[in-house]
């Protein structure tokens, strides 16, 4: 989650489930066994700021709600050294163009001619 926050220069609120066998339907047969207290998904929600600082540590002890007060000014501070879409833009060098024409999802190429694989010789 820290890597995602740093790469995107954004706050990451990672909401992870905590789930025990007792929470599952009775016809579900997990490989961990049928004890209702068996933890199947251990949680670990956390909150990370745009610089990769952990604001709320992940906790794997059970169900809980995690909260943090965030400072949105940290987003701007993070963009001083990495702004993935902002001041590094070079419209004089790079251009995004979108072809809106219809495209086939799959195209089939003709099979190569037998015996022509790897044959780069030419005759005069």
PDB file of N, CA and C in Angstrom:
ATOM      1  N   UNK A   1       0.828  -1.186   0.000  1.00  0.00           N
ATOM      2  CA  UNK A   1       0.000   0.000   0.000  1.00  0.00           C
ATOM      3  C   UNK A   1       0.876   1.255   0.000  1.00  0.00           C
ATOM      4  N   UNK A   2       2.023   1.159   0.662  1.00  0.00           N
ATOM      5  CA  UNK A   2       2.933   2.313   0.660  1.00  0.00           C
ATOM      6  C   UNK A   2       3.427   2.606  -0.749  1.00  0.00           C
ATOM      7  N   UNK A   3       3.742   1.577  -1.507  1.00  0.00           N
ATOM      8  CA  UNK A   3       4.212   1.768  -2.880  1.00  0.00           C
ATOM      9  C   UNK A   3       3.137   2.426  -3.728  1.00  0.00           C
ATOM     10  N   UNK A   4       1.905   1.996  -3.574  1.00  0.00           N
ATOM     11  CA  UNK A   4       0.806   2.582  -4.342  1.00  0.00           C
ATOM     12  C   UNK A   4       0.646   4.057  -3.993  1.00  0.00           C
ATOM     13  N   UNK A   5       0.728   4.382  -2.713  1.00  0.00           N
ATOM     14  CA  UNK A   5       0.599   5.778  -2.282  1.00  0.00           C
ATOM     15  C   UNK A   5       1.719   6.637  -2.857  1.00  0.00           C
ATOM     16  N   UNK A   6       2.947   6.128  -2.818  1.00  0.00           N
ATOM     17  CA  UNK A   6       4.088   6.897  -3.316  1.00  0.00           C
ATOM     18  C   UNK A   6       4.011   7.059  -4.830  1.00  0.00           C
ATOM     19  N   UNK A   7       3.688   5.976  -5.539  1.00  0.00           N
ATOM     20  CA  UNK A   7       3.608   6.055  -6.999  1.00  0.00           C
ATOM     21  C   UNK A   7       2.508   6.999  -7.465  1.00  0.00           C
ATOM     22  N   UNK A   8       1.379   6.992  -6.794  1.00  0.00           N
ATOM     23  CA  UNK A   8       0.255   7.822  -7.201  1.00  0.00           C
ATOM     24  C   UNK A   8       0.216   9.172  -6.519  1.00  0.00           C
ATOM     25  N   UNK A   9       1.099   9.379  -5.534  1.00  0.00           N
ATOM     26  CA  UNK A   9       1.099  10.603  -4.722  1.00  0.00           C
ATOM     27  C   UNK A   9      -0.331  10.897  -4.252  1.00  0.00           C
ATOM     28  N   UNK A  10      -0.919   9.864  -3.634  1.00  0.00           N
ATOM     29  CA  UNK A  10      -2.292   9.981  -3.160  1.00  0.00           C
ATOM     30  C   UNK A  10      -2.436   9.269  -1.820  1.00  0.00           C
ATOM     31  N   UNK A  11      -3.492   9.577  -1.112  1.00  0.00           N
ATOM     32  CA  UNK A  11      -3.810   8.843   0.109  1.00  0.00           C
ATOM     33  C   UNK A  11      -4.346   7.475  -0.294  1.00  0.00           C
ATOM     34  N   UNK A  12      -3.951   6.452   0.421  1.00  0.00           N
ATOM     35  CA  UNK A  12      -4.464   5.110   0.176  1.00  0.00           C
ATOM     36  C   UNK A  12      -5.197   4.654   1.422  1.00  0.00           C
ATOM     37  N   UNK A  13      -6.475   4.348   1.258  1.00  0.00           N
ATOM     38  CA  UNK A  13      -7.277   3.776   2.335  1.00  0.00           C
ATOM     39  C   UNK A  13      -7.535   2.334   1.938  1.00  0.00           C
ATOM     40  N   UNK A  14      -6.798   1.426   2.526  1.00  0.00           N
ATOM     41  CA  UNK A  14      -6.898   0.017   2.188  1.00  0.00           C
ATOM     42  C   UNK A  14      -7.877  -0.648   3.146  1.00  0.00           C
ATOM     43  N   UNK A  15      -9.026  -1.013   2.624  1.00  0.00           N
ATOM     44  CA  UNK A  15     -10.071  -1.628   3.437  1.00  0.00           C
ATOM     45  C   UNK A  15     -10.051  -3.133   3.210  1.00  0.00           C
ATOM     46  N   UNK A  16      -9.575  -3.867   4.196  1.00  0.00           N
ATOM     47  CA  UNK A  16      -9.450  -5.322   4.074  1.00  0.00           C
ATOM     48  C   UNK A  16     -10.490  -6.008   4.955  1.00  0.00           C
ATOM     49  N   UNK A  17     -10.972  -7.134   4.489  1.00  0.00           N
ATOM     50  CA  UNK A  17     -11.995  -7.876   5.223  1.00  0.00           C
ATOM     51  C   UNK A  17     -11.399  -8.670   6.379  1.00  0.00           C
ATOM     52  N   UNK A  18     -12.211  -8.845   7.405  1.00  0.00           N
ATOM     53  CA  UNK A  18     -11.912  -9.802   8.471  1.00  0.00           C
ATOM     54  C   UNK A  18     -13.070 -10.787   8.443  1.00  0.00           C
ATOM     55  N   UNK A  19     -12.750 -12.067   8.286  1.00  0.00           N
ATOM     56  CA  UNK A  19     -13.800 -13.053   8.021  1.00  0.00           C
ATOM     57  C   UNK A  19     -13.457 -14.360   8.719  1.00  0.00           C
ATOM     58  N   UNK A  20     -14.377 -14.868   9.518  1.00  0.00           N
ATOM     59  CA  UNK A  20     -14.165 -16.147  10.196  1.00  0.00           C
ATOM     60  C   UNK A  20     -15.068 -17.219   9.581  1.00  0.00           C
ATOM     61  N   UNK A  21     -14.781 -18.457   9.918  1.00  0.00           N
ATOM     62  CA  UNK A  21     -15.609 -19.565   9.429  1.00  0.00           C
ATOM     63  C   UNK A  21     -17.051 -19.386   9.864  1.00  0.00           C
ATOM     64  N   UNK A  22     -17.271 -18.852  11.040  1.00  0.00           N
ATOM     65  CA  UNK A  22     -18.613 -18.614  11.544  1.00  0.00           C
ATOM     66  C   UNK A  22     -19.403 -17.601  10.729  1.00  0.00           C
ATOM     67  N   UNK A  23     -18.701 -16.744   9.959  1.00  0.00           N
ATOM     68  CA  UNK A  23     -19.363 -15.757   9.104  1.00  0.00           C
ATOM     69  C   UNK A  23     -19.801 -16.349   7.764  1.00  0.00           C
ATOM     70  N   UNK A  24     -19.288 -17.524   7.420  1.00  0.00           N
ATOM     71  CA  UNK A  24     -19.535 -18.137   6.111  1.00  0.00           C
ATOM     72  C   UNK A  24     -20.818 -18.966   6.131  1.00  0.00           C
ATOM     73  N   UNK A  25     -21.384 -19.225   4.961  1.00  0.00           N
ATOM     74  CA  UNK A  25     -22.563 -20.097   4.892  1.00  0.00           C
ATOM     75  C   UNK A  25     -22.232 -21.496   5.417  1.00  0.00           C
ATOM     76  N   UNK A  26     -23.225 -22.173   5.930  1.00  0.00           N
ATOM     77  CA  UNK A  26     -23.007 -23.491   6.527  1.00  0.00           C
ATOM     78  C   UNK A  26     -22.551 -24.528   5.508  1.00  0.00           C
ATOM     79  N   UNK A  27     -22.905 -24.356   4.239  1.00  0.00           N
ATOM     80  CA  UNK A  27     -22.496 -25.340   3.231  1.00  0.00           C
ATOM     81  C   UNK A  27     -21.090 -25.077   2.676  1.00  0.00           C
ATOM     82  N   UNK A  28     -20.424 -24.067   3.171  1.00  0.00           N
ATOM     83  CA  UNK A  28     -19.055 -23.767   2.744  1.00  0.00           C
ATOM     84  C   UNK A  28     -18.081 -24.618   3.554  1.00  0.00           C
ATOM     85  N   UNK A  29     -17.149 -25.269   2.877  1.00  0.00           N
ATOM     86  CA  UNK A  29     -16.196 -26.163   3.547  1.00  0.00           C
ATOM     87  C   UNK A  29     -14.773 -25.670   3.303  1.00  0.00           C
ATOM     88  N   UNK A  30     -14.271 -24.727   4.126  1.00  0.00           N
ATOM     89  CA  UNK A  30     -12.914 -24.215   3.905  1.00  0.00           C
ATOM     90  C   UNK A  30     -11.859 -25.260   4.272  1.00  0.00           C
ATOM     91  N   UNK A  31     -10.708 -25.167   3.649  1.00  0.00           N
ATOM     92  CA  UNK A  31      -9.637 -26.120   3.950  1.00  0.00           C
ATOM     93  C   UNK A  31      -9.075 -25.918   5.355  1.00  0.00           C
ATOM     94  N   UNK A  32      -9.349 -24.750   5.966  1.00  0.00           N
ATOM     95  CA  UNK A  32      -8.857 -24.475   7.320  1.00  0.00           C
ATOM     96  C   UNK A  32      -9.653 -25.195   8.396  1.00  0.00           C
ATOM     97  N   UNK A  33     -10.777 -25.790   8.069  1.00  0.00           N
ATOM     98  CA  UNK A  33     -11.585 -26.507   9.046  1.00  0.00           C
ATOM     99  C   UNK A  33     -12.918 -25.842   9.318  1.00  0.00           C
ATOM    100  N   UNK A  34     -13.721 -26.465  10.210  1.00  0.00           N
ATOM    101  CA  UNK A  34     -15.080 -25.989  10.476  1.00  0.00           C
ATOM    102  C   UNK A  34     -15.246 -25.274  11.813  1.00  0.00           C
ATOM    103  N   UNK A  35     -14.179 -25.034  12.541  1.00  0.00           N
ATOM    104  CA  UNK A  35     -14.290 -24.307  13.811  1.00  0.00           C
ATOM    105  C   UNK A  35     -14.769 -22.887  13.500  1.00  0.00           C
ATOM    106  N   UNK A  36     -15.898 -22.439  14.067  1.00  0.00           N
ATOM    107  CA  UNK A  36     -16.441 -21.111  13.763  1.00  0.00           C
ATOM    108  C   UNK A  36     -15.466 -19.965  14.058  1.00  0.00           C
ATOM    109  N   UNK A  37     -14.511 -20.174  14.959  1.00  0.00           N
ATOM    110  CA  UNK A  37     -13.556 -19.118  15.312  1.00  0.00           C
ATOM    111  C   UNK A  37     -12.365 -19.051  14.358  1.00  0.00           C
ATOM    112  N   UNK A  38     -12.251 -19.995  13.432  1.00  0.00           N
ATOM    113  CA  UNK A  38     -11.119 -20.011  12.499  1.00  0.00           C
ATOM    114  C   UNK A  38     -11.162 -18.782  11.606  1.00  0.00           C
ATOM    115  N   UNK A  39     -10.056 -18.038  11.568  1.00  0.00           N
ATOM    116  CA  UNK A  39      -9.965 -16.836  10.742  1.00  0.00           C
ATOM    117  C   UNK A  39      -9.635 -17.246   9.313  1.00  0.00           C
ATOM    118  N   UNK A  40     -10.485 -16.851   8.377  1.00  0.00           N
ATOM    119  CA  UNK A  40     -10.272 -17.147   6.966  1.00  0.00           C
ATOM    120  C   UNK A  40      -9.629 -15.972   6.236  1.00  0.00           C
ATOM    121  N   UNK A  41     -10.012 -14.760   6.582  1.00  0.00           N
ATOM    122  CA  UNK A  41      -9.411 -13.547   6.028  1.00  0.00           C
ATOM    123  C   UNK A  41      -9.068 -12.661   7.218  1.00  0.00           C
ATOM    124  N   UNK A  42      -7.807 -12.270   7.353  1.00  0.00           N
ATOM    125  CA  UNK A  42      -7.348 -11.671   8.605  1.00  0.00           C
ATOM    126  C   UNK A  42      -7.391 -10.153   8.708  1.00  0.00           C
ATOM    127  N   UNK A  43      -7.940  -9.461   7.725  1.00  0.00           N
ATOM    128  CA  UNK A  43      -8.068  -8.012   7.838  1.00  0.00           C
ATOM    129  C   UNK A  43      -6.769  -7.310   7.501  1.00  0.00           C
ATOM    130  N   UNK A  44      -6.470  -6.250   8.223  1.00  0.00           N
ATOM    131  CA  UNK A  44      -5.236  -5.504   8.002  1.00  0.00           C
ATOM    132  C   UNK A  44      -5.436  -4.185   7.294  1.00  0.00           C
ATOM    133  N   UNK A  45      -6.588  -3.571   7.453  1.00  0.00           N
ATOM    134  CA  UNK A  45      -6.825  -2.270   6.828  1.00  0.00           C
ATOM    135  C   UNK A  45      -5.816  -1.260   7.332  1.00  0.00           C
ATOM    136  N   UNK A  46      -5.462  -0.319   6.457  1.00  0.00           N
ATOM    137  CA  UNK A  46      -4.494   0.706   6.851  1.00  0.00           C
ATOM    138  C   UNK A  46      -4.759   1.980   6.053  1.00  0.00           C
ATOM    139  N   UNK A  47      -4.114   3.060   6.486  1.00  0.00           N
ATOM    140  CA  UNK A  47      -4.219   4.344   5.790  1.00  0.00           C
ATOM    141  C   UNK A  47      -2.800   4.879   5.622  1.00  0.00           C
ATOM    142  N   UNK A  48      -2.454   5.240   4.372  1.00  0.00           N
ATOM    143  CA  UNK A  48      -1.118   5.696   4.018  1.00  0.00           C
ATOM    144  C   UNK A  48      -1.231   7.073   3.372  1.00  0.00           C
ATOM    145  N   UNK A  49      -0.270   7.960   3.668  1.00  0.00           N
ATOM    146  CA  UNK A  49      -0.314   9.283   3.042  1.00  0.00           C
ATOM    147  C   UNK A  49       0.478   9.280   1.730  1.00  0.00           C
ATOM    148  N   UNK A  50       0.391  10.372   0.925  1.00  0.00           N
ATOM    149  CA  UNK A  50       1.031  10.407  -0.393  1.00  0.00           C
ATOM    150  C   UNK A  50       2.554  10.276  -0.370  1.00  0.00           C
ATOM    151  N   UNK A  51       3.176  10.464   0.764  1.00  0.00           N
ATOM    152  CA  UNK A  51       4.628  10.315   0.869  1.00  0.00           C
ATOM    153  C   UNK A  51       5.025   8.934   1.387  1.00  0.00           C
ATOM    154  N   UNK A  52       4.046   8.062   1.579  1.00  0.00           N
ATOM    155  CA  UNK A  52       4.318   6.712   2.032  1.00  0.00           C
ATOM    156  C   UNK A  52       4.337   6.544   3.540  1.00  0.00           C
ATOM    157  N   UNK A  53       3.991   7.585   4.268  1.00  0.00           N
ATOM    158  CA  UNK A  53       3.941   7.488   5.728  1.00  0.00           C
ATOM    159  C   UNK A  53       2.681   6.744   6.162  1.00  0.00           C
ATOM    160  N   UNK A  54       2.837   5.846   7.103  1.00  0.00           N
ATOM    161  CA  UNK A  54       1.699   5.066   7.599  1.00  0.00           C
ATOM    162  C   UNK A  54       0.963   5.890   8.641  1.00  0.00           C
ATOM    163  N   UNK A  55      -0.278   6.258   8.341  1.00  0.00           N
ATOM    164  CA  UNK A  55      -1.086   7.030   9.286  1.00  0.00           C
ATOM    165  C   UNK A  55      -1.819   6.113  10.246  1.00  0.00           C
ATOM    166  N   UNK A  56      -2.264   4.961   9.747  1.00  0.00           N
ATOM    167  CA  UNK A  56      -2.927   3.949  10.577  1.00  0.00           C
ATOM    168  C   UNK A  56      -2.309   2.606  10.226  1.00  0.00           C
ATOM    169  N   UNK A  57      -1.658   1.995  11.206  1.00  0.00           N
ATOM    170  CA  UNK A  57      -1.022   0.687  11.016  1.00  0.00           C
ATOM    171  C   UNK A  57      -2.077  -0.386  10.781  1.00  0.00           C
ATOM    172  N   UNK A  58      -1.757  -1.382   9.955  1.00  0.00           N
ATOM    173  CA  UNK A  58      -2.683  -2.507   9.808  1.00  0.00           C
ATOM    174  C   UNK A  58      -2.792  -3.279  11.124  1.00  0.00           C
ATOM    175  N   UNK A  59      -3.971  -3.752  11.418  1.00  0.00           N
ATOM    176  CA  UNK A  59      -4.216  -4.527  12.639  1.00  0.00           C
ATOM    177  C   UNK A  59      -4.928  -5.807  12.229  1.00  0.00           C
ATOM    178  N   UNK A  60      -4.407  -6.939  12.700  1.00  0.00           N
ATOM    179  CA  UNK A  60      -4.945  -8.234  12.301  1.00  0.00           C
ATOM    180  C   UNK A  60      -5.650  -8.946  13.448  1.00  0.00           C
ATOM    181  N   UNK A  61      -6.083  -8.192  14.466  1.00  0.00           N
ATOM    182  CA  UNK A  61      -6.646  -8.818  15.660  1.00  0.00           C
ATOM    183  C   UNK A  61      -8.151  -9.049  15.598  1.00  0.00           C
ATOM    184  N   UNK A  62      -8.844  -8.491  14.613  1.00  0.00           N
ATOM    185  CA  UNK A  62     -10.282  -8.690  14.534  1.00  0.00           C
ATOM    186  C   UNK A  62     -10.961  -7.565  13.780  1.00  0.00           C
ATOM    187  N   UNK A  63     -12.288  -7.560  13.845  1.00  0.00           N
ATOM    188  CA  UNK A  63     -13.066  -6.517  13.175  1.00  0.00           C
ATOM    189  C   UNK A  63     -12.837  -5.185  13.862  1.00  0.00           C
ATOM    190  N   UNK A  64     -12.719  -4.138  13.061  1.00  0.00           N
ATOM    191  CA  UNK A  64     -12.574  -2.791  13.611  1.00  0.00           C
ATOM    192  C   UNK A  64     -12.771  -1.760  12.520  1.00  0.00           C
ATOM    193  N   UNK A  65     -12.971  -0.546  12.939  1.00  0.00           N
ATOM    194  CA  UNK A  65     -13.051   0.587  12.018  1.00  0.00           C
ATOM    195  C   UNK A  65     -11.826   1.431  12.268  1.00  0.00           C
ATOM    196  N   UNK A  66     -11.093   1.744  11.208  1.00  0.00           N
ATOM    197  CA  UNK A  66      -9.867   2.524  11.320  1.00  0.00           C
ATOM    198  C   UNK A  66     -10.135   3.921  10.773  1.00  0.00           C
ATOM    199  N   UNK A  67      -9.704   4.956  11.479  1.00  0.00           N
ATOM    200  CA  UNK A  67      -9.890   6.332  11.011  1.00  0.00           C
ATOM    201  C   UNK A  67      -8.587   7.107  11.209  1.00  0.00           C
ATOM    202  N   UNK A  68      -8.434   8.162  10.429  1.00  0.00           N
ATOM    203  CA  UNK A  68      -7.283   9.049  10.576  1.00  0.00           C
ATOM    204  C   UNK A  68      -7.681  10.430  10.089  1.00  0.00           C
ATOM    205  N   UNK A  69      -7.062  11.434  10.655  1.00  0.00           N
ATOM    206  CA  UNK A  69      -7.237  12.789  10.153  1.00  0.00           C
ATOM    207  C   UNK A  69      -6.175  13.006   9.100  1.00  0.00           C
ATOM    208  N   UNK A  70      -6.591  13.416   7.901  1.00  0.00           N
ATOM    209  CA  UNK A  70      -5.620  13.586   6.825  1.00  0.00           C
ATOM    210  C   UNK A  70      -5.438  15.066   6.508  1.00  0.00           C
ATOM    211  N   UNK A  71      -4.245  15.395   6.053  1.00  0.00           N
ATOM    212  CA  UNK A  71      -3.904  16.757   5.655  1.00  0.00           C
ATOM    213  C   UNK A  71      -3.747  16.749   4.137  1.00  0.00           C
ATOM    214  N   UNK A  72      -4.720  17.287   3.427  1.00  0.00           N
ATOM    215  CA  UNK A  72      -4.692  17.253   1.965  1.00  0.00           C
ATOM    216  C   UNK A  72      -3.536  18.044   1.372  1.00  0.00           C
ATOM    217  N   UNK A  73      -2.905  18.903   2.148  1.00  0.00           N
ATOM    218  CA  UNK A  73      -1.748  19.654   1.648  1.00  0.00           C
ATOM    219  C   UNK A  73      -0.570  18.731   1.354  1.00  0.00           C
ATOM    220  N   UNK A  74      -0.558  17.540   1.944  1.00  0.00           N
ATOM    221  CA  UNK A  74       0.526  16.580   1.700  1.00  0.00           C
ATOM    222  C   UNK A  74       0.523  16.141   0.232  1.00  0.00           C
ATOM    223  N   UNK A  75      -0.635  16.152  -0.404  1.00  0.00           N
ATOM    224  CA  UNK A  75      -0.716  15.787  -1.822  1.00  0.00           C
ATOM    225  C   UNK A  75       0.139  16.744  -2.642  1.00  0.00           C
ATOM    226  N   UNK A  76      -0.005  18.041  -2.403  1.00  0.00           N
ATOM    227  CA  UNK A  76       0.789  19.037  -3.135  1.00  0.00           C
ATOM    228  C   UNK A  76       2.276  18.885  -2.834  1.00  0.00           C
ATOM    229  N   UNK A  77       2.632  18.629  -1.584  1.00  0.00           N
ATOM    230  CA  UNK A  77       4.047  18.436  -1.237  1.00  0.00           C
ATOM    231  C   UNK A  77       4.631  17.245  -1.986  1.00  0.00           C
ATOM    232  N   UNK A  78       3.849  16.187  -2.125  1.00  0.00           N
ATOM    233  CA  UNK A  78       4.325  15.003  -2.834  1.00  0.00           C
ATOM    234  C   UNK A  78       4.561  15.243  -4.311  1.00  0.00           C
ATOM    235  N   UNK A  79       3.854  16.197  -4.896  1.00  0.00           N
ATOM    236  CA  UNK A  79       3.993  16.461  -6.326  1.00  0.00           C
ATOM    237  C   UNK A  79       5.204  17.323  -6.655  1.00  0.00           C
ATOM    238  N   UNK A  80       5.884  17.844  -5.651  1.00  0.00           N
ATOM    239  CA  UNK A  80       7.091  18.618  -5.931  1.00  0.00           C
ATOM    240  C   UNK A  80       8.182  17.750  -6.544  1.00  0.00           C
ATOM    241  N   UNK A  81       8.284  16.491  -6.145  1.00  0.00           N
ATOM    242  CA  UNK A  81       9.338  15.642  -6.689  1.00  0.00           C
ATOM    243  C   UNK A  81       8.827  14.588  -7.662  1.00  0.00           C
ATOM    244  N   UNK A  82       7.517  14.347  -7.716  1.00  0.00           N
ATOM    245  CA  UNK A  82       6.970  13.403  -8.683  1.00  0.00           C
ATOM    246  C   UNK A  82       5.533  13.797  -8.979  1.00  0.00           C
ATOM    247  N   UNK A  83       5.335  14.353 -10.140  1.00  0.00           N
ATOM    248  CA  UNK A  83       3.993  14.732 -10.575  1.00  0.00           C
ATOM    249  C   UNK A  83       3.709  13.959 -11.852  1.00  0.00           C
ATOM    250  N   UNK A  84       3.014  12.852 -11.716  1.00  0.00           N
ATOM    251  CA  UNK A  84       2.877  11.922 -12.832  1.00  0.00           C
ATOM    252  C   UNK A  84       2.081  12.472 -14.017  1.00  0.00           C
ATOM    253  N   UNK A  85       1.274  13.488 -13.836  1.00  0.00           N
ATOM    254  CA  UNK A  85       0.517  14.034 -14.970  1.00  0.00           C
ATOM    255  C   UNK A  85       0.583  15.551 -15.061  1.00  0.00           C
ATOM    256  N   UNK A  86       1.342  16.189 -14.225  1.00  0.00           N
ATOM    257  CA  UNK A  86       1.303  17.647 -14.179  1.00  0.00           C
ATOM    258  C   UNK A  86       2.440  18.340 -14.883  1.00  0.00           C
ATOM    259  N   UNK A  87       3.322  18.968 -14.132  1.00  0.00           N
ATOM    260  CA  UNK A  87       4.303  19.876 -14.710  1.00  0.00           C
ATOM    261  C   UNK A  87       5.371  19.193 -15.566  1.00  0.00           C
ATOM    262  N   UNK A  88       5.429  17.856 -15.577  1.00  0.00           N
ATOM    263  CA  UNK A  88       6.361  17.169 -16.464  1.00  0.00           C
ATOM    264  C   UNK A  88       5.805  17.031 -17.875  1.00  0.00           C
ATOM    265  N   UNK A  89       4.554  17.401 -18.087  1.00  0.00           N
ATOM    266  CA  UNK A  89       3.936  17.252 -19.400  1.00  0.00           C
ATOM    267  C   UNK A  89       4.728  18.061 -20.429  1.00  0.00           C
ATOM    268  N   UNK A  90       4.963  17.471 -21.616  1.00  0.00           N
ATOM    269  CA  UNK A  90       5.699  18.146 -22.690  1.00  0.00           C
ATOM    270  C   UNK A  90       4.873  18.084 -23.963  1.00  0.00           C
ATOM    271  N   UNK A  91       3.850  18.962 -24.095  1.00  0.00           N
ATOM    272  CA  UNK A  91       3.025  18.908 -25.303  1.00  0.00           C
ATOM    273  C   UNK A  91       3.823  19.217 -26.572  1.00  0.00           C
ATOM    274  N   UNK A  92       5.015  19.828 -26.437  1.00  0.00           N
ATOM    275  CA  UNK A  92       5.847  20.080 -27.609  1.00  0.00           C
ATOM    276  C   UNK A  92       6.541  18.808 -28.093  1.00  0.00           C
ATOM    277  N   UNK A  93       6.584  17.767 -27.243  1.00  0.00           N
ATOM    278  CA  UNK A  93       7.269  16.530 -27.588  1.00  0.00           C
ATOM    279  C   UNK A  93       6.307  15.345 -27.642  1.00  0.00           C
ATOM    280  N   UNK A  94       5.385  15.282 -26.685  1.00  0.00           N
ATOM    281  CA  UNK A  94       4.465  14.154 -26.589  1.00  0.00           C
ATOM    282  C   UNK A  94       3.038  14.586 -26.888  1.00  0.00           C
ATOM    283  N   UNK A  95       2.282  13.670 -27.503  1.00  0.00           N
ATOM    284  CA  UNK A  95       0.891  13.954 -27.796  1.00  0.00           C
ATOM    285  C   UNK A  95       0.092  12.679 -27.554  1.00  0.00           C
ATOM    286  N   UNK A  96      -1.030  12.802 -26.903  1.00  0.00           N
ATOM    287  CA  UNK A  96      -1.950  11.687 -26.728  1.00  0.00           C
ATOM    288  C   UNK A  96      -3.001  11.784 -27.812  1.00  0.00           C
ATOM    289  N   UNK A  97      -3.145  10.716 -28.588  1.00  0.00           N
ATOM    290  CA  UNK A  97      -4.201  10.703 -29.580  1.00  0.00           C
ATOM    291  C   UNK A  97      -5.029   9.450 -29.370  1.00  0.00           C
ATOM    292  N   UNK A  98      -6.330   9.608 -29.478  1.00  0.00           N
ATOM    293  CA  UNK A  98      -7.262   8.513 -29.237  1.00  0.00           C
ATOM    294  C   UNK A  98      -7.984   8.204 -30.540  1.00  0.00           C
ATOM    295  N   UNK A  99      -7.832   6.959 -30.994  1.00  0.00           N
ATOM    296  CA  UNK A  99      -8.528   6.502 -32.195  1.00  0.00           C
ATOM    297  C   UNK A  99      -9.877   5.952 -31.747  1.00  0.00           C
ATOM    298  N   UNK A 100     -10.950   6.631 -32.093  1.00  0.00           N
ATOM    299  CA  UNK A 100     -12.281   6.226 -31.639  1.00  0.00           C
ATOM    300  C   UNK A 100     -12.980   5.296 -32.622  1.00  0.00           C
ATOM    301  N   UNK A 101     -12.277   4.886 -33.675  1.00  0.00           N
ATOM    302  CA  UNK A 101     -12.876   3.969 -34.649  1.00  0.00           C
ATOM    303  C   UNK A 101     -13.094   2.583 -34.057  1.00  0.00           C
ATOM    304  N   UNK A 102     -14.016   1.847 -34.652  1.00  0.00           N
ATOM    305  CA  UNK A 102     -14.344   0.508 -34.191  1.00  0.00           C
ATOM    306  C   UNK A 102     -13.160  -0.429 -34.428  1.00  0.00           C
ATOM    307  N   UNK A 103     -12.879  -1.280 -33.456  1.00  0.00           N
ATOM    308  CA  UNK A 103     -11.783  -2.233 -33.543  1.00  0.00           C
ATOM    309  C   UNK A 103     -12.290  -3.632 -33.227  1.00  0.00           C
ATOM    310  N   UNK A 104     -11.679  -4.623 -33.862  1.00  0.00           N
ATOM    311  CA  UNK A 104     -11.964  -6.012 -33.521  1.00  0.00           C
ATOM    312  C   UNK A 104     -11.183  -6.375 -32.271  1.00  0.00           C
ATOM    313  N   UNK A 105     -11.819  -7.140 -31.380  1.00  0.00           N
ATOM    314  CA  UNK A 105     -11.142  -7.552 -30.149  1.00  0.00           C
ATOM    315  C   UNK A 105     -10.064  -8.590 -30.433  1.00  0.00           C
ATOM    316  N   UNK A 106     -10.265  -9.390 -31.481  1.00  0.00           N
ATOM    317  CA  UNK A 106      -9.311 -10.437 -31.834  1.00  0.00           C
ATOM    318  C   UNK A 106      -9.067 -10.371 -33.329  1.00  0.00           C
ATOM    319  N   UNK A 107      -7.806 -10.510 -33.729  1.00  0.00           N
ATOM    320  CA  UNK A 107      -7.516 -10.596 -35.156  1.00  0.00           C
ATOM    321  C   UNK A 107      -6.685 -11.849 -35.400  1.00  0.00           C
ATOM    322  N   UNK A 108      -6.927 -12.489 -36.526  1.00  0.00           N
ATOM    323  CA  UNK A 108      -6.220 -13.712 -36.881  1.00  0.00           C
ATOM    324  C   UNK A 108      -5.294 -13.417 -38.047  1.00  0.00           C
ATOM    325  N   UNK A 109      -4.026 -13.757 -37.865  1.00  0.00           N
ATOM    326  CA  UNK A 109      -3.030 -13.562 -38.912  1.00  0.00           C
ATOM    327  C   UNK A 109      -2.901 -14.861 -39.700  1.00  0.00           C
ATOM    328  N   UNK A 110      -2.565 -14.766 -40.977  1.00  0.00           N
ATOM    329  CA  UNK A 110      -2.380 -16.005 -41.732  1.00  0.00           C
ATOM    330  C   UNK A 110      -1.162 -16.762 -41.197  1.00  0.00           C
ATOM    331  N   UNK A 111      -1.196 -18.097 -41.243  1.00  0.00           N
ATOM    332  CA  UNK A 111      -0.055 -18.857 -40.743  1.00  0.00           C
ATOM    333  C   UNK A 111       1.164 -18.614 -41.628  1.00  0.00           C
ATOM    334  N   UNK A 112       2.378 -18.721 -41.048  1.00  0.00           N
ATOM    335  CA  UNK A 112       3.588 -18.518 -41.865  1.00  0.00           C
ATOM    336  C   UNK A 112       3.709 -19.622 -42.917  1.00  0.00           C
ATOM    337  N   UNK A 113       4.348 -19.294 -44.024  1.00  0.00           N
ATOM    338  CA  UNK A 113       4.564 -20.252 -45.096  1.00  0.00           C
ATOM    339  C   UNK A 113       5.547 -21.309 -44.605  1.00  0.00           C
ATOM    340  N   UNK A 114       5.256 -22.581 -44.833  1.00  0.00           N
ATOM    341  CA  UNK A 114       6.106 -23.675 -44.354  1.00  0.00           C
ATOM    342  C   UNK A 114       7.518 -23.516 -44.883  1.00  0.00           C
ATOM    343  N   UNK A 115       8.491 -23.674 -44.002  1.00  0.00           N
ATOM    344  CA  UNK A 115       9.901 -23.622 -44.360  1.00  0.00           C
ATOM    345  C   UNK A 115      10.463 -22.216 -44.419  1.00  0.00           C
ATOM    346  N   UNK A 116       9.646 -21.191 -44.163  1.00  0.00           N
ATOM    347  CA  UNK A 116      10.157 -19.815 -44.258  1.00  0.00           C
ATOM    348  C   UNK A 116      10.631 -19.266 -42.916  1.00  0.00           C
ATOM    349  N   UNK A 117      10.426 -19.995 -41.811  1.00  0.00           N
ATOM    350  CA  UNK A 117      10.822 -19.499 -40.502  1.00  0.00           C
ATOM    351  C   UNK A 117      12.343 -19.376 -40.443  1.00  0.00           C
ATOM    352  N   UNK A 118      12.819 -18.221 -40.064  1.00  0.00           N
ATOM    353  CA  UNK A 118      14.253 -18.000 -39.877  1.00  0.00           C
ATOM    354  C   UNK A 118      15.051 -17.969 -41.162  1.00  0.00           C
ATOM    355  N   UNK A 119      14.416 -17.937 -42.311  1.00  0.00           N
ATOM    356  CA  UNK A 119      15.121 -17.919 -43.590  1.00  0.00           C
ATOM    357  C   UNK A 119      15.200 -16.490 -44.086  1.00  0.00           C
ATOM    358  N   UNK A 120      16.333 -15.858 -43.859  1.00  0.00           N
ATOM    359  CA  UNK A 120      16.506 -14.465 -44.259  1.00  0.00           C
ATOM    360  C   UNK A 120      17.398 -14.324 -45.482  1.00  0.00           C
ATOM    361  N   UNK A 121      17.625 -15.382 -46.227  1.00  0.00           N
ATOM    362  CA  UNK A 121      18.506 -15.309 -47.396  1.00  0.00           C
ATOM    363  C   UNK A 121      17.729 -14.793 -48.588  1.00  0.00           C
ATOM    364  N   UNK A 122      18.439 -14.230 -49.508  1.00  0.00           N
ATOM    365  CA  UNK A 122      17.794 -13.766 -50.721  1.00  0.00           C
ATOM    366  C   UNK A 122      18.687 -14.149 -51.904  1.00  0.00           C
ATOM    367  N   UNK A 123      18.091 -14.393 -53.025  1.00  0.00           N
ATOM    368  CA  UNK A 123      18.874 -14.794 -54.214  1.00  0.00           C
ATOM    369  C   UNK A 123      18.724 -13.738 -55.294  1.00  0.00           C
ATOM    370  N   UNK A 124      19.775 -13.625 -56.099  1.00  0.00           N
ATOM    371  CA  UNK A 124      19.761 -12.619 -57.160  1.00  0.00           C
ATOM    372  C   UNK A 124      19.667 -13.240 -58.525  1.00  0.00           C
TER     373      UNK A 124
END
